[in-house]
Amino acid sequence: MTKGALLDELASAIGFKKLEISNALNNLAEIGTREVKKCGKFNLPGLCPITATPLSLTTIEAHRKVWELRQKLKLLREKAQALERMIRSEQEFLGALRVESVVFRCPMEQPDNSSGTSGAWSTTA
């Protein structure tokens, strides 16, 4: 039965307007919702009890597993970011060494002066 059909039947049985009955049903729904949230159950006398069903244990376990996996993923992301920062700093350091090695050459890396001119790096005596 739809809400409109229920309103029609109650209006004809009681003699109130549909708007008044609609307001009464809306208020009943608000009260019932509030009681179910507060106490976990609400009883309509002569009609039916309404109870809130707790989450099943498997649902709670599944939510906990998802939470644990998210925490592990967060930890892995943090570790990956730290490694990425270390790699970047090492690459910057190695790049700086390459630049310095081009500017300041070691005497062992200098080629022999075979043109016969005397110089500081000449191996001829």
Protein backbone atom coordinates (compact mmCIF):
# COMPACT_ATOMS: atom_id res chain seq x y z
CA MET A 1 0.00 0.00 0.00
CA THR A 2 1.37 3.39 -0.92
CA LYS A 3 1.38 6.41 1.33
CA GLY A 4 -1.33 8.08 -0.76
CA ALA A 5 -3.62 5.07 -0.50
CA LEU A 6 -3.05 4.93 3.25
CA LEU A 7 -3.87 8.64 3.55
CA ASP A 8 -7.11 8.16 1.56
CA GLU A 9 -8.26 5.28 3.76
CA LEU A 10 -7.41 7.06 7.02
CA ALA A 11 -9.06 10.28 5.83
CA SER A 12 -12.30 8.46 4.96
CA ALA A 13 -12.27 6.39 8.18
CA ILE A 14 -11.46 9.20 10.62
CA GLY A 15 -12.91 12.19 8.81
CA PHE A 16 -9.79 14.39 8.83
CA LYS A 17 -8.20 16.08 5.85
CA LYS A 18 -5.38 14.27 4.01
CA LEU A 19 -2.93 17.06 4.89
CA GLU A 20 -3.55 16.65 8.63
CA ILE A 21 -3.11 12.89 8.41
CA SER A 22 0.05 13.32 6.31
CA ASN A 23 1.52 15.62 8.99
CA ALA A 24 0.60 13.09 11.69
CA LEU A 25 2.29 10.24 9.75
CA ASN A 26 5.41 12.35 9.16
CA ASN A 27 5.59 13.15 12.88
CA LEU A 28 5.14 9.46 13.72
CA ALA A 29 7.99 8.60 11.34
CA GLU A 30 10.28 11.19 12.95
CA ILE A 31 9.49 9.95 16.46
CA GLY A 32 10.00 6.33 15.41
CA THR A 33 13.32 7.12 13.74
CA ARG A 34 14.56 9.02 16.77
CA GLU A 35 13.59 6.19 19.14
CA VAL A 36 15.17 3.50 16.98
CA LYS A 37 18.41 5.50 16.85
CA LYS A 38 18.32 6.13 20.59
CA CYS A 39 17.11 2.79 22.00
CA GLY A 40 17.40 0.41 19.08
CA LYS A 41 13.66 -0.36 19.00
CA PHE A 42 10.27 1.32 18.66
CA ASN A 43 6.90 -0.30 19.31
CA LEU A 44 3.68 0.71 17.56
CA PRO A 45 1.09 -0.70 19.99
CA GLY A 46 -1.29 -3.12 18.32
CA LEU A 47 0.62 -3.00 15.04
CA CYS A 48 4.28 -4.02 15.11
CA PRO A 49 7.60 -3.53 16.87
CA ILE A 50 10.42 -1.94 14.89
CA THR A 51 13.97 -2.90 15.83
CA ALA A 52 17.32 -1.90 14.44
CA THR A 53 19.37 -4.88 13.35
CA PRO A 54 23.02 -4.67 14.35
CA LEU A 55 25.71 -5.12 11.76
CA SER A 56 26.61 -8.72 11.27
CA LEU A 57 29.96 -9.91 12.52
CA THR A 58 31.18 -10.64 9.00
CA THR A 59 30.40 -7.07 7.94
CA ILE A 60 32.33 -5.66 10.89
CA GLU A 61 35.27 -7.97 10.13
CA ALA A 62 35.24 -6.93 6.48
CA HIS A 63 35.26 -3.26 7.43
CA ARG A 64 38.15 -3.84 9.82
CA LYS A 65 40.15 -5.67 7.14
CA VAL A 66 39.56 -2.83 4.69
CA TRP A 67 40.71 -0.33 7.33
CA GLU A 68 43.86 -2.39 8.03
CA LEU A 69 44.67 -2.60 4.31
CA ARG A 70 44.25 1.15 3.96
CA GLN A 71 46.63 1.72 6.88
CA LYS A 72 49.23 -0.59 5.30
CA LEU A 73 48.83 1.20 1.97
CA LYS A 74 49.31 4.55 3.69
CA LEU A 75 52.50 3.28 5.35
CA LEU A 76 53.81 1.95 2.03
CA ARG A 77 53.12 5.29 0.35
CA GLU A 78 55.04 7.11 3.08
CA LYS A 79 58.00 4.75 2.72
CA ALA A 80 57.95 5.11 -1.08
CA GLN A 81 57.94 8.89 -0.78
CA ALA A 82 60.90 8.78 1.62
CA LEU A 83 62.83 6.52 -0.77
CA GLU A 84 61.97 8.81 -3.65
CA ARG A 85 63.35 11.79 -1.74
CA MET A 86 66.56 9.86 -0.96
CA ILE A 87 67.00 8.87 -4.61
CA ARG A 88 66.46 12.45 -5.75
CA SER A 89 69.04 13.76 -3.28
CA GLU A 90 71.53 11.07 -4.36
CA GLN A 91 70.98 11.95 -8.02
CA GLU A 92 71.51 15.62 -7.25
CA PHE A 93 74.69 14.76 -5.34
CA LEU A 94 76.01 12.58 -8.17
CA GLY A 95 75.15 15.28 -10.70
CA ALA A 96 77.11 17.79 -8.64
CA LEU A 97 80.08 15.40 -8.51
CA ARG A 98 80.00 15.01 -12.28
CA VAL A 99 80.08 18.77 -12.73
CA GLU A 100 82.96 19.11 -10.28
CA SER A 101 84.92 16.29 -11.94
CA VAL A 102 84.70 18.11 -15.28
CA VAL A 103 85.91 21.38 -13.77
CA PHE A 104 88.60 20.03 -11.42
CA ARG A 105 90.45 17.21 -13.07
CA CYS A 106 92.76 14.97 -11.20
CA PRO A 107 96.42 14.92 -12.43
CA MET A 108 96.12 11.21 -13.14
CA GLU A 109 93.33 11.88 -15.64
CA GLN A 110 95.37 14.36 -17.72
CA PRO A 111 96.62 13.11 -21.11
CA ASP A 112 100.34 12.93 -21.88
CA ASN A 113 101.80 16.01 -23.53
CA SER A 114 103.19 14.37 -26.67
CA SER A 115 103.54 17.60 -28.62
CA GLY A 116 106.93 18.21 -26.99
CA THR A 117 105.97 21.36 -25.16
CA SER A 118 106.97 21.46 -21.57
CA GLY A 119 104.23 21.78 -19.08
CA ALA A 120 103.31 20.93 -15.58
CA TRP A 121 101.63 17.71 -16.71
CA SER A 122 104.42 16.50 -18.91
CA THR A 123 105.80 13.03 -18.19
CA THR A 124 109.04 13.56 -20.14
CA ALA A 125 112.15 14.33 -18.17
